[in-house]
Amino acid sequence: MYCITQGTAVLILMSLFKKQNREYLLLRCKADNYNF
């Protein structure tokens, strides 16, 4: 899954997905950043 730091893409995804999916994406994004 893609994750852009300081992400404008994250904001776009947030507007596209429901709260549950949004929270999952944010958690996934944070995890990917930590692994980075």
PDB file of N, CA and C in Angstrom:
ATOM      1  N   MET A   1       0.841  -1.203   0.000  1.00  0.00           N
ATOM      2  CA  MET A   1       0.000   0.000   0.000  1.00  0.00           C
ATOM      3  C   MET A   1       0.875   1.251   0.000  1.00  0.00           C
ATOM      4  N   TYR A   2       0.446   2.263  -0.720  1.00  0.00           N
ATOM      5  CA  TYR A   2       1.242   3.473  -0.844  1.00  0.00           C
ATOM      6  C   TYR A   2       1.092   4.368   0.380  1.00  0.00           C
ATOM      7  N   CYS A   3       2.149   5.076   0.704  1.00  0.00           N
ATOM      8  CA  CYS A   3       2.081   6.040   1.792  1.00  0.00           C
ATOM      9  C   CYS A   3       3.077   7.165   1.543  1.00  0.00           C
ATOM     10  N   ILE A   4       2.583   8.372   1.335  1.00  0.00           N
ATOM     11  CA  ILE A   4       3.458   9.515   1.088  1.00  0.00           C
ATOM     12  C   ILE A   4       3.582  10.334   2.368  1.00  0.00           C
ATOM     13  N   THR A   5       4.815  10.574   2.808  1.00  0.00           N
ATOM     14  CA  THR A   5       5.016  11.361   4.018  1.00  0.00           C
ATOM     15  C   THR A   5       4.523  12.786   3.801  1.00  0.00           C
ATOM     16  N   GLN A   6       4.041  13.425   4.874  1.00  0.00           N
ATOM     17  CA  GLN A   6       3.431  14.755   4.764  1.00  0.00           C
ATOM     18  C   GLN A   6       2.311  14.677   3.737  1.00  0.00           C
ATOM     19  N   GLY A   7       1.581  13.558   3.757  1.00  0.00           N
ATOM     20  CA  GLY A   7       0.828  13.122   2.582  1.00  0.00           C
ATOM     21  C   GLY A   7      -0.433  13.882   2.231  1.00  0.00           C
ATOM     22  N   THR A   8      -0.399  14.487   1.058  1.00  0.00           N
ATOM     23  CA  THR A   8      -1.636  15.005   0.475  1.00  0.00           C
ATOM     24  C   THR A   8      -2.465  13.838  -0.024  1.00  0.00           C
ATOM     25  N   ALA A   9      -1.779  12.772  -0.429  1.00  0.00           N
ATOM     26  CA  ALA A   9      -2.471  11.575  -0.912  1.00  0.00           C
ATOM     27  C   ALA A   9      -3.299  10.965   0.210  1.00  0.00           C
ATOM     28  N   VAL A  10      -2.782  11.026   1.439  1.00  0.00           N
ATOM     29  CA  VAL A  10      -3.513  10.489   2.587  1.00  0.00           C
ATOM     30  C   VAL A  10      -4.822  11.249   2.770  1.00  0.00           C
ATOM     31  N   LEU A  11      -4.773  12.549   2.611  1.00  0.00           N
ATOM     32  CA  LEU A  11      -5.986  13.366   2.738  1.00  0.00           C
ATOM     33  C   LEU A  11      -7.003  12.978   1.673  1.00  0.00           C
ATOM     34  N   ILE A  12      -6.514  12.704   0.473  1.00  0.00           N
ATOM     35  CA  ILE A  12      -7.404  12.284  -0.613  1.00  0.00           C
ATOM     36  C   ILE A  12      -8.047  10.949  -0.273  1.00  0.00           C
ATOM     37  N   LEU A  13      -7.238  10.018   0.226  1.00  0.00           N
ATOM     38  CA  LEU A  13      -7.765   8.708   0.608  1.00  0.00           C
ATOM     39  C   LEU A  13      -8.793   8.856   1.721  1.00  0.00           C
ATOM     40  N   MET A  14      -8.504   9.757   2.663  1.00  0.00           N
ATOM     41  CA  MET A  14      -9.415   9.983   3.783  1.00  0.00           C
ATOM     42  C   MET A  14     -10.785  10.413   3.288  1.00  0.00           C
ATOM     43  N   SER A  15     -10.815  11.226   2.249  1.00  0.00           N
ATOM     44  CA  SER A  15     -12.084  11.710   1.717  1.00  0.00           C
ATOM     45  C   SER A  15     -12.810  10.618   0.932  1.00  0.00           C
ATOM     46  N   LEU A  16     -12.061   9.622   0.466  1.00  0.00           N
ATOM     47  CA  LEU A  16     -12.658   8.569  -0.357  1.00  0.00           C
ATOM     48  C   LEU A  16     -13.211   7.413   0.469  1.00  0.00           C
ATOM     49  N   PHE A  17     -12.562   7.147   1.615  1.00  0.00           N
ATOM     50  CA  PHE A  17     -12.932   5.960   2.379  1.00  0.00           C
ATOM     51  C   PHE A  17     -13.757   6.289   3.612  1.00  0.00           C
ATOM     52  N   LYS A  18     -14.422   5.282   4.158  1.00  0.00           N
ATOM     53  CA  LYS A  18     -15.186   5.444   5.387  1.00  0.00           C
ATOM     54  C   LYS A  18     -14.240   5.601   6.566  1.00  0.00           C
ATOM     55  N   LYS A  19     -14.787   5.941   7.732  1.00  0.00           N
ATOM     56  CA  LYS A  19     -13.955   6.124   8.924  1.00  0.00           C
ATOM     57  C   LYS A  19     -13.140   4.885   9.235  1.00  0.00           C
ATOM     58  N   GLN A  20     -13.756   3.724   9.208  1.00  0.00           N
ATOM     59  CA  GLN A  20     -13.057   2.485   9.553  1.00  0.00           C
ATOM     60  C   GLN A  20     -11.887   2.264   8.616  1.00  0.00           C
ATOM     61  N   ASN A  21     -12.118   2.402   7.324  1.00  0.00           N
ATOM     62  CA  ASN A  21     -11.053   2.211   6.345  1.00  0.00           C
ATOM     63  C   ASN A  21      -9.997   3.297   6.479  1.00  0.00           C
ATOM     64  N   ARG A  22     -10.438   4.521   6.784  1.00  0.00           N
ATOM     65  CA  ARG A  22      -9.516   5.639   6.940  1.00  0.00           C
ATOM     66  C   ARG A  22      -8.583   5.380   8.111  1.00  0.00           C
ATOM     67  N   GLU A  23      -9.134   4.954   9.232  1.00  0.00           N
ATOM     68  CA  GLU A  23      -8.312   4.665  10.407  1.00  0.00           C
ATOM     69  C   GLU A  23      -7.313   3.565  10.095  1.00  0.00           C
ATOM     70  N   TYR A  24      -7.753   2.553   9.365  1.00  0.00           N
ATOM     71  CA  TYR A  24      -6.871   1.455   8.986  1.00  0.00           C
ATOM     72  C   TYR A  24      -5.732   1.962   8.113  1.00  0.00           C
ATOM     73  N   LEU A  25      -6.063   2.823   7.151  1.00  0.00           N
ATOM     74  CA  LEU A  25      -5.044   3.372   6.250  1.00  0.00           C
ATOM     75  C   LEU A  25      -4.034   4.204   7.032  1.00  0.00           C
ATOM     76  N   LEU A  26      -4.530   4.996   7.983  1.00  0.00           N
ATOM     77  CA  LEU A  26      -3.631   5.839   8.777  1.00  0.00           C
ATOM     78  C   LEU A  26      -2.703   4.977   9.617  1.00  0.00           C
ATOM     79  N   LEU A  27      -3.228   3.918  10.223  1.00  0.00           N
ATOM     80  CA  LEU A  27      -2.397   3.021  11.017  1.00  0.00           C
ATOM     81  C   LEU A  27      -1.379   2.330  10.133  1.00  0.00           C
ATOM     82  N   ARG A  28      -1.817   1.908   8.972  1.00  0.00           N
ATOM     83  CA  ARG A  28      -0.938   1.227   8.022  1.00  0.00           C
ATOM     84  C   ARG A  28       0.150   2.189   7.548  1.00  0.00           C
ATOM     85  N   CYS A  29      -0.244   3.429   7.322  1.00  0.00           N
ATOM     86  CA  CYS A  29       0.685   4.454   6.852  1.00  0.00           C
ATOM     87  C   CYS A  29       1.758   4.704   7.908  1.00  0.00           C
ATOM     88  N   LYS A  30       1.346   4.822   9.155  1.00  0.00           N
ATOM     89  CA  LYS A  30       2.297   5.044  10.247  1.00  0.00           C
ATOM     90  C   LYS A  30       3.261   3.874  10.352  1.00  0.00           C
ATOM     91  N   ALA A  31       2.730   2.667  10.241  1.00  0.00           N
ATOM     92  CA  ALA A  31       3.560   1.470  10.342  1.00  0.00           C
ATOM     93  C   ALA A  31       4.609   1.451   9.234  1.00  0.00           C
ATOM     94  N   ASP A  32       4.175   1.802   8.024  1.00  0.00           N
ATOM     95  CA  ASP A  32       5.100   1.824   6.888  1.00  0.00           C
ATOM     96  C   ASP A  32       6.179   2.873   7.099  1.00  0.00           C
ATOM     97  N   ASN A  33       5.810   4.016   7.686  1.00  0.00           N
ATOM     98  CA  ASN A  33       6.778   5.075   7.930  1.00  0.00           C
ATOM     99  C   ASN A  33       7.801   4.644   8.972  1.00  0.00           C
ATOM    100  N   TYR A  34       7.341   3.945   9.996  1.00  0.00           N
ATOM    101  CA  TYR A  34       8.260   3.469  11.028  1.00  0.00           C
ATOM    102  C   TYR A  34       9.230   2.449  10.441  1.00  0.00           C
ATOM    103  N   ASN A  35       8.715   1.599   9.562  1.00  0.00           N
ATOM    104  CA  ASN A  35       9.574   0.602   8.924  1.00  0.00           C
ATOM    105  C   ASN A  35      10.581   1.274   8.004  1.00  0.00           C
ATOM    106  N   PHE A  36      10.186   2.406   7.434  1.00  0.00           N
ATOM    107  CA  PHE A  36      11.069   3.188   6.580  1.00  0.00           C
ATOM    108  C   PHE A  36      12.182   3.717   7.446  1.00  0.00           C
TER     109      PHE A  36
END
